[in-house]
Protein backbone atom coordinates (compact mmCIF):
# COMPACT_ATOMS: atom_id res chain seq x y z
CA MET A 1 12.01 -29.23 32.01
CA GLU A 2 13.63 -27.35 29.02
CA HIS A 3 15.65 -30.38 28.36
CA ASP A 4 12.80 -32.68 28.38
CA THR A 5 11.03 -30.48 25.80
CA GLN A 6 14.32 -29.82 23.45
CA GLN A 7 15.01 -33.87 23.74
CA ASN A 8 10.87 -34.58 23.13
CA GLN A 9 11.41 -32.29 19.99
CA GLY A 10 14.83 -34.05 19.21
CA THR A 11 13.10 -37.37 18.79
CA MET A 12 9.87 -36.04 16.84
CA SER A 13 10.11 -38.02 13.24
CA ILE A 14 9.52 -36.05 9.84
CA GLY A 15 5.52 -36.86 10.24
CA ASP A 16 5.17 -34.85 13.50
CA HIS A 17 6.92 -32.07 12.07
CA LEU A 18 5.09 -32.41 9.32
CA GLU A 19 1.90 -32.72 11.14
CA GLU A 20 3.05 -29.75 13.27
CA LEU A 21 3.46 -27.66 10.12
CA ARG A 22 -0.21 -28.38 8.99
CA THR A 23 -1.56 -27.58 12.01
CA ARG A 24 0.25 -24.08 12.15
CA VAL A 25 -0.87 -23.58 8.63
CA ILE A 26 -4.46 -24.06 9.59
CA TRP A 27 -4.23 -21.69 12.53
CA CYS A 28 -2.26 -19.11 10.05
CA ILE A 29 -5.55 -18.99 7.72
CA ILE A 30 -8.81 -19.37 10.20
CA PRO A 31 -8.46 -15.69 11.06
CA PRO A 32 -7.88 -14.24 7.98
CA ILE A 33 -11.01 -15.69 6.44
CA PRO A 34 -13.14 -14.25 9.25
CA LEU A 35 -11.40 -10.77 8.81
CA ALA A 36 -11.61 -10.63 5.13
CA VAL A 37 -15.19 -11.12 5.15
CA LEU A 38 -15.65 -8.46 7.29
CA TYR A 39 -13.65 -6.06 6.00
CA PHE A 40 -15.69 -6.99 2.28
CA PHE A 41 -18.76 -5.24 4.16
CA ILE A 42 -17.06 -2.13 5.09
CA ALA A 43 -14.88 -2.05 1.49
CA ASP A 44 -16.81 0.86 0.23
CA TYR A 45 -15.26 2.80 3.16
CA ILE A 46 -11.69 1.39 2.09
CA VAL A 47 -12.12 2.46 -0.97
CA ARG A 48 -12.88 6.02 -0.52
CA TRP A 49 -10.06 6.12 1.97
CA PHE A 50 -7.58 5.03 -0.85
CA LEU A 51 -9.28 7.63 -3.04
CA ILE A 52 -8.72 10.68 -0.59
CA PRO A 53 -5.19 10.60 -1.72
CA LEU A 54 -5.56 10.41 -5.58
CA TYR A 55 -8.58 12.76 -5.47
CA ALA A 56 -6.47 15.51 -3.56
CA VAL A 57 -3.80 15.79 -6.37
CA LEU A 58 -6.78 15.86 -9.13
CA GLU A 59 -8.48 18.58 -7.20
CA GLN A 60 -5.29 20.51 -7.06
CA HIS A 61 -4.18 20.01 -10.82
CA GLY A 62 -8.29 20.87 -11.71
CA LEU A 63 -9.25 17.69 -13.41
CA PRO A 64 -12.14 15.50 -12.26
CA THR A 65 -12.37 13.77 -9.23
CA GLN A 66 -13.47 10.37 -10.85
CA VAL A 67 -12.09 7.21 -11.60
CA GLN A 68 -12.91 4.55 -14.29
CA VAL A 69 -15.20 1.09 -14.02
CA LEU A 70 -15.00 -0.47 -17.67
CA SER A 71 -16.48 -3.84 -16.66
CA PRO A 72 -19.61 -4.89 -14.95
CA PRO A 73 -18.05 -6.89 -11.94
CA GLU A 74 -14.54 -5.15 -11.82
CA PHE A 75 -15.58 -2.78 -8.52
CA ILE A 76 -16.58 -6.13 -6.68
CA ILE A 77 -13.64 -7.97 -7.74
CA ALA A 78 -11.67 -4.57 -6.25
CA GLU A 79 -13.37 -4.85 -3.18
CA MET A 80 -12.66 -8.32 -2.95
CA LYS A 81 -9.12 -7.28 -3.29
CA ILE A 82 -9.18 -4.95 -0.76
CA ALA A 83 -10.84 -7.26 1.60
CA ILE A 84 -8.25 -9.59 1.29
CA GLY A 85 -5.48 -7.62 1.54
CA ALA A 86 -6.11 -6.08 4.35
CA SER A 87 -7.04 -9.42 6.36
CA ILE A 88 -3.75 -10.65 5.23
CA LEU A 89 -2.17 -7.12 6.54
CA THR A 90 -4.28 -7.26 9.89
CA ALA A 91 -3.69 -10.96 10.61
CA GLY A 92 0.04 -10.72 10.07
CA PRO A 93 1.60 -10.52 13.62
CA TRP A 94 -0.80 -13.52 14.46
CA ILE A 95 0.79 -15.66 11.19
CA LEU A 96 4.34 -14.32 12.62
CA TYR A 97 3.11 -15.71 16.14
CA GLN A 98 2.19 -19.29 14.49
CA LEU A 99 5.65 -19.21 12.68
CA TRP A 100 7.29 -18.34 15.58
CA GLN A 101 5.27 -21.66 17.56
CA PHE A 102 5.92 -23.54 15.12
CA ILE A 103 10.21 -23.27 15.18
CA SER A 104 10.53 -22.37 19.29
CA PRO A 105 9.79 -26.09 20.55
CA GLY A 106 13.48 -26.24 18.91
CA LEU A 107 14.87 -23.16 20.73
CA HIS A 108 16.49 -22.60 24.78
CA HIS A 109 14.05 -20.62 27.02
CA HIS A 110 16.08 -17.38 26.79
CA GLU A 111 15.41 -17.61 23.13
CA ARG A 112 11.94 -17.77 23.22
CA GLN A 113 11.69 -14.95 25.23
CA PHE A 114 12.74 -13.28 21.24
CA VAL A 115 9.33 -13.53 20.78
CA TYR A 116 7.93 -10.73 23.26
CA PHE A 117 10.19 -8.13 21.39
CA LEU A 118 10.27 -9.11 17.74
CA ILE A 119 6.49 -9.66 16.97
CA PRO A 120 5.44 -5.98 18.84
CA LEU A 121 8.36 -4.43 16.83
CA SER A 122 7.87 -6.02 13.49
CA THR A 123 4.02 -4.83 14.08
CA LEU A 124 4.94 -1.35 15.12
CA LEU A 125 7.75 -0.93 11.45
CA GLY A 126 4.51 -2.29 9.30
CA ALA A 127 2.34 0.22 10.73
CA LEU A 128 4.76 2.85 10.77
CA GLY A 129 5.89 2.20 7.08
CA LEU A 130 1.83 1.89 5.84
CA ALA A 131 1.28 5.44 7.28
CA LEU A 132 4.36 7.07 5.85
CA MET A 133 3.13 5.57 2.38
CA TYR A 134 -0.49 6.72 2.57
CA PHE A 135 0.13 10.32 4.37
CA PHE A 136 3.36 11.16 2.54
CA MET A 137 4.51 9.15 0.05
CA LEU A 138 1.43 8.39 -1.93
CA PRO A 139 0.47 11.53 -2.16
CA VAL A 140 3.95 12.78 -3.80
CA ILE A 141 4.17 10.08 -6.01
CA LEU A 142 0.74 10.45 -7.54
CA ASP A 143 1.50 14.83 -8.13
CA PHE A 144 4.35 13.50 -9.65
CA MET A 145 2.89 11.15 -12.18
CA VAL A 146 0.11 13.55 -12.63
CA THR A 147 2.43 16.22 -12.83
CA ILE A 148 4.23 14.55 -15.77
CA ALA A 149 1.48 13.74 -17.94
CA GLY A 150 0.30 16.60 -17.56
CA ASN A 151 3.19 18.57 -19.12
CA ILE A 152 2.69 17.62 -22.45
CA GLU A 153 0.40 20.45 -23.91
CA LEU A 154 -1.53 21.20 -26.75
CA GLN A 155 -0.06 23.50 -29.57
CA THR A 156 -1.03 26.87 -29.83
CA SER A 157 -2.13 26.77 -33.18
CA ALA A 158 -4.29 23.33 -32.25
CA ILE A 159 -6.17 25.23 -29.43
CA ALA A 160 -6.67 28.87 -31.72
CA ILE A 161 -8.12 26.35 -34.48
CA GLY A 162 -10.92 25.17 -31.65
CA GLU A 163 -11.48 28.29 -30.63
CA SER A 164 -12.45 29.39 -34.25
CA MET A 165 -14.57 26.78 -34.36
CA SER A 166 -17.37 27.23 -32.00
CA ASN A 167 -18.34 30.74 -30.02
CA VAL A 168 -20.50 28.70 -27.57
CA SER A 169 -20.11 29.98 -23.73
CA LEU A 170 -21.14 27.11 -22.09
CA PRO A 171 -22.14 28.07 -17.91
CA ILE A 172 -20.27 26.69 -15.35
CA LEU A 173 -22.55 25.70 -12.08
CA GLU A 174 -21.61 23.89 -9.30
CA ALA A 175 -24.86 22.12 -9.03
CA PRO A 176 -26.80 20.37 -11.46
CA PRO A 177 -29.78 23.16 -12.84
CA GLU A 178 -33.30 22.20 -11.47
CA VAL A 179 -34.28 21.88 -14.81
CA ALA A 180 -32.73 21.54 -17.99
CA ALA A 181 -34.14 20.94 -21.40
CA LEU A 182 -32.86 18.63 -24.75
CA GLY A 183 -29.55 19.30 -25.55
CA ASP A 184 -28.46 21.85 -22.04
CA THR A 185 -25.16 21.42 -21.81
CA TRP A 186 -23.04 23.11 -19.00
CA ILE A 187 -19.42 22.30 -17.21
CA LYS A 188 -19.95 21.06 -13.86
CA MET A 189 -17.65 22.86 -11.09
CA PRO A 190 -15.32 21.98 -9.41
CA GLU A 191 -15.05 18.69 -11.09
CA GLY A 192 -14.40 20.38 -14.17
CA VAL A 193 -16.94 17.63 -16.11
CA LEU A 194 -19.25 18.23 -19.39
CA THR A 195 -22.65 17.16 -18.87
CA VAL A 196 -24.94 17.21 -21.77
CA ALA A 197 -28.80 16.90 -21.54
CA VAL A 198 -29.97 13.84 -24.15
CA PRO A 199 -33.00 11.85 -24.18
CA SER A 200 -33.70 8.89 -21.53
CA THR A 201 -34.88 5.16 -22.33
CA GLU A 202 -38.28 6.21 -20.43
CA GLN A 203 -40.92 8.84 -22.32
CA ARG A 204 -40.65 12.36 -21.32
CA LEU A 205 -37.18 12.16 -19.48
CA LEU A 206 -33.66 12.93 -19.90
CA GLN A 207 -30.81 11.85 -18.51
CA THR A 208 -27.56 13.40 -18.76
CA LEU A 209 -23.70 12.23 -20.24
CA THR A 210 -20.70 13.63 -19.00
CA MET A 211 -17.22 13.86 -19.91
CA PRO A 212 -13.95 14.77 -18.22
CA MET A 213 -12.30 18.10 -19.45
CA SER A 214 -8.61 17.44 -20.57
CA HIS A 215 -7.28 21.24 -19.20
CA GLY A 216 -4.95 21.25 -22.98
CA SER A 217 -3.47 18.64 -22.13
CA LEU A 218 -2.29 15.85 -25.32
CA ILE A 219 -3.01 13.43 -21.93
CA SER A 220 -6.38 12.95 -20.76
CA GLN A 221 -5.48 11.61 -17.04
CA GLN A 222 -8.34 9.08 -16.37
CA PHE A 223 -7.67 6.17 -13.48
CA GLN A 224 -9.16 3.07 -13.62
CA LEU A 225 -10.13 2.20 -10.01
CA SER A 226 -9.09 -1.60 -10.11
CA SER A 227 -5.39 -0.73 -11.51
CA TYR A 228 -5.40 2.34 -9.29
CA LEU A 229 -6.31 -0.28 -6.15
CA GLY A 230 -4.15 -2.52 -7.27
CA PHE A 231 -0.99 -0.11 -7.16
CA VAL A 232 -1.78 1.23 -3.63
CA ILE A 233 -1.72 -2.56 -2.71
CA MET A 234 0.74 -3.72 -3.64
CA MET A 235 2.77 -0.92 -2.38
CA MET A 236 1.64 -1.44 0.87
CA PHE A 237 2.35 -4.86 0.88
CA GLY A 238 5.84 -4.00 -0.46
CA ILE A 239 6.53 -1.35 2.19
CA ALA A 240 4.94 -3.30 4.88
CA ILE A 241 7.86 -6.22 4.04
CA ALA A 242 10.72 -3.39 3.52
CA PHE A 243 10.05 -1.82 6.92
CA GLN A 244 10.83 -5.38 8.57
CA LEU A 245 14.61 -4.30 7.79
CA PRO A 246 15.85 -3.54 11.33
CA MET A 247 14.15 -6.61 12.39
CA VAL A 248 15.96 -9.28 10.33
CA MET A 249 19.16 -7.11 11.01
CA LEU A 250 17.93 -8.08 14.81
CA LEU A 251 17.79 -11.59 13.95
CA LEU A 252 21.23 -11.80 12.41
CA GLY A 253 22.83 -9.72 14.94
CA TRP A 254 21.49 -12.22 17.72
CA LEU A 255 22.84 -15.54 15.16
CA SER A 256 25.96 -13.87 14.69
CA VAL A 257 25.92 -13.67 11.23
CA VAL A 258 26.43 -9.86 11.43
CA LYS A 259 28.18 -7.91 13.17
CA PRO A 260 27.95 -3.60 13.74
CA ASP A 261 31.14 -3.20 12.51
CA TRP A 262 31.19 -4.83 9.60
CA LEU A 263 27.21 -3.48 8.86
CA ARG A 264 29.25 0.37 9.16
CA LYS A 265 31.86 -0.77 6.89
CA ASN A 266 29.72 -1.92 4.53
CA ARG A 267 27.12 0.72 3.93
CA ARG A 268 28.13 1.33 0.61
CA TYR A 269 26.87 -1.91 -0.72
CA ALA A 270 24.21 -1.75 1.70
CA LEU A 271 22.55 1.64 0.24
CA LEU A 272 23.00 0.07 -3.14
CA VAL A 273 21.24 -3.12 -2.59
CA LEU A 274 18.29 -0.55 -0.30
CA ALA A 275 18.29 1.45 -3.80
CA LEU A 276 17.58 -1.59 -5.52
CA ILE A 277 14.69 -2.41 -3.35
CA SER A 278 13.36 0.73 -3.91
CA ALA A 279 13.18 0.73 -7.25
CA ILE A 280 10.93 -2.83 -7.27
CA ILE A 281 8.58 -1.13 -4.36
CA THR A 282 8.08 2.00 -6.24
CA PRO A 283 7.06 3.05 -9.84
CA GLN A 284 10.38 3.52 -11.65
CA ASP A 285 10.67 7.11 -11.47
CA ILE A 286 13.72 8.93 -9.62
CA VAL A 287 11.17 11.07 -7.17
CA SER A 288 9.61 7.57 -5.87
CA MET A 289 12.82 5.77 -5.34
CA LEU A 290 14.35 8.55 -3.40
CA MET A 291 11.44 8.71 -1.29
CA MET A 292 11.86 5.04 -1.03
CA LEU A 293 15.28 4.99 0.04
CA ILE A 294 15.54 7.40 2.33
CA PRO A 295 13.61 5.83 5.30
CA LEU A 296 14.73 2.30 4.19
CA TYR A 297 18.36 3.69 4.84
CA MET A 298 17.17 5.22 8.03
CA LEU A 299 15.67 1.95 8.93
CA TYR A 300 19.11 0.16 7.80
CA GLU A 301 20.76 2.63 10.45
CA LEU A 302 18.22 1.86 13.16
CA GLY A 303 18.52 -2.05 12.68
CA ILE A 304 22.60 -0.69 13.54
CA GLN A 305 21.98 0.60 16.66
CA LEU A 306 19.51 -2.05 17.97
CA ILE A 307 22.10 -4.65 17.67
CA VAL A 308 24.17 -2.33 19.84
CA TRP A 309 21.40 -1.67 22.41
CA VAL A 310 19.47 -5.12 22.42
CA PRO A 311 22.35 -7.51 22.37
CA ILE A 312 21.37 -11.13 22.73
CA SER A 313 23.42 -11.29 26.06
CA ARG A 314 21.16 -8.76 27.41
CA LEU A 315 17.99 -10.71 26.84
CA SER A 316 19.35 -13.69 27.81
CA SER A 317 20.17 -12.05 31.36
CA GLU A 318 17.07 -10.84 31.51
CA ALA A 319 15.12 -14.82 30.67
CA ASN A 320 17.96 -16.05 33.67
CA ASP A 321 16.78 -13.50 36.47
CA ASP A 322 12.93 -14.14 35.81
């Protein structure tokens, strides 16, 4: 049966191969579409989830926990990007399975058993990378960036001039006052936002204008929602792909392209390549690059051990036993 399958596969014309490829591409596209619609309806919760690390860092540095939306469609476009990105990440194992279904007819029976090991491994590595990025790497990277920008302080003379120009003492409130008069000003904490009561378009009503406080820094750190979400999404995709390194190394080992001894001997060159990958994935600063480089190098060592622990002969023998 196996020989007949391979023989039939070998007699397939180029048109048949293209038709099979078209079918697999369609099957790859089908799941992400409804998933994107589903994620779009819960995108508000995903946005809040993405903002948790940023708000924690901003609050730690005494900055207002706010992000900016600079155009009317910006927020909905950002949610659409989130929905599409989340659907692709979620459907990743299914897409890999369809790719495997396309190439598996040309493989031997024991080689087809690889899918039962590789797809769970790929899913586990991707989930591990995303968890590490969200809970550890992203907070540290954001803290480093905010700290660097906040170190540019105003000169003492400038602060003294500003203080001499005003003797007004502003109240510091944790909640808006129940009754406010025109021109009333207060500082809303813990956000650190200057709030002013101004006339509204409707008669006898007031509205408030807010302005974040800069805490004596020359740079007012305000994050744009779409830019921040784009930064996080691109970083998530980069890390999810980079964390497939052990799986790629294991495949190359099964194909006899690389050997464990050769990989151990060329660690220094591998470290250089991984450093370049880390610099591409993360922002161009040494802290972010090192935080990416360390787990990638650990994954490199894991890939070497996987080639030793799970050689192709072991899978072949297990497949023959079955």
